[in-house]
């Protein structure tokens, strides 16, 4: 210190992890222009790790002596850098007072549009190689205009890694902003633009005449790391593939982001190989495959996870070896740690029963470690709960809590137990929404996938209509609340949009076209309120394409197509468009009563033909054509009388007798009227 040299000493009893954490905190504070005294305080905080001392340390110092500073003037900053707008190294900002929060500490959380997911409670453990590579890629300002792609199996910590390095690069001045967008629940170019606009421009960006140019200018002025997560969901084989035009528009936006100033684009993909369907205008600058953790890192993580659940537990034997047996899969370890600590089941024996070659490394193949860990979690639940939670697999990334309770149909105390188990396994997070008593439940994508795959097909066929029925109810509620509480409606809508998209897709896949059409119109109104006009227009095209497949211009009609046309005619009549309704019915009758008009036969065909004739007869009678109506009714009667008088066929026959009675009464044919009305009463 007397010679003017600043010296910081770490005690040799400190562990490597403690020194690394402490040095990171020290460097960040110095680069931010803090004084040496403040930097020392930050470095001392970094020593608060689970195991700060080396296991073979001969003596342990007091915390005050574990880290010491020798400086001629500790009240002065070590670095003072003048801000510059020139390109080159990252700008370092010196904050004039402790009352001003650094930008890296003001990054928005995932509750806000464009906000980063939360850091793991235990912090970042291991992964030094990947962190170094990510930092090198993202600091490289000579990488051209290409993006960075990070890929690997689900649950390996890709999002946590990228989020961690993003915070670090803002902290050290490479970027000033980070904008994160998850594509796990679908998305278009507009959803990515919305997050960028809110984070870089503010709420007023929605009134900006040229949103694209305004956002790109903001990216040029403000070095920003743009993160698109779960991009695989939008690819042709993904759960939320929009269409080729919408995907191309997203790639074009990505290309423009890459070519703008010092900002960079990072794609995160849940795939063991880099998909060829990622077609940005320029080649990727870098790609990084994330693999399971190496043994030392996995052991450190496992020890931390167990310590979080039980500070006194010391893993021994097979339990200590579990990180190796599971191939260093971080999420699998996170799922199993609370189960091991609870001691309610023999985890090793359960794993070996499911995977006989566990000790030969079977769990390391593909992503099997995660699958078996999920299965152990389910087996740790009561059998009734194990079956009851399967519908959670239909939700896309999360849901408002009342939606889960409606679909699962279980008591709240049982639901609280499920939430607690899944939260301990790092699969569920609760999020409070200002102004609402109900909370939003974030569900890890891997758990949703596993639960969905576990559903028996018959169960899935039964529960899917309940799912989209639940969201049709939510859509009606949102529509009614829009004028009274627009802010709350927007907060709920943005979180539930993935499920609303999925509900529409399920209704279309199950050929509930009439219901889907009604739902689509409501969803389009909501999308336009959110500023997603392009996605709204894409729904029009989806409905047109599905209708054309279901009701082709030529050839036989399927039963779903006939049902759709009957429902459409009813909706038109209810809206006062009688002529349009009659035209649909006339064309339908002509088409399905000729030979080869239906793709199916038997009782279902006879029932649908009779129903169509009956409805067309009603139209004719309402138009004053009683004779033609009666002749049509007689044709319908010949078909419906042959069927078993149960269910829908019975109801249709009762209504037909009633309508025939009205025709006879109008013609003053009282005996015939009495005869058919009595027959209808007998069936009723």
Foldseek 3Di string as FASTA:
>chain_A
DVVQDKDKDADPFFDPQLQVQLVLQLVLCLLLFAFQVVSNVSSLVSCPALGGGDPPDPDDDDSVPRMDIDGPDRRGRPDDDDADQDDDAFGHHHDPDPVDDALLVVADEPLDAQGADDAPPNHDFDPPVVLVVVLVVLRPQPLALAAEEEEEAPQQCPSNSVSVSQSSCCSNGLFRHEGEDECLLHDFLVSLLVSLCCGQPNPCLLVPPDSLVVSLVSCQRGAYEYEYEQCVLCFPPHVHPQDPVRLVRNLASQSSSSNHHSHHYYYYHNDHDDDPRNCHPDHHSYYHYRAADPPVRLLVLLVVLLCVQPVPDDDDDVSSCVCVLLVRRNLLSQLCNNVVNVVPDDLVVQLCVVPVCSVVNPNRPRNNSNLSSLVVLLVVDDPVVSVLQLVLLLARFWAFVVLSCQLSVDDPVSVVVVQVSCVSSVAWDWADDPPDPIIIIGGRNSNSNSSPVPDDPVRCVVRLVVQLVSVLVVLVVLVVCCVPCVVVSVSNCVVRVSSLSSSLVSCLVVLVLQVSVVSLVSVLVVCVVVVNNVSNVSVVVVSVVSLCVQDPPDFAHELSNLVNLLVVLVVCVVVVNLVVSLVSLVVLLVQLPDPRRHPDDDLSSLLSNLLSLLVNLVSCVVVVNLVVSLVSLVVSCVSLVVDDLDDPSVVSQLVSLQVNLVSCVVVVVNVSSVVSNVVSVVSD
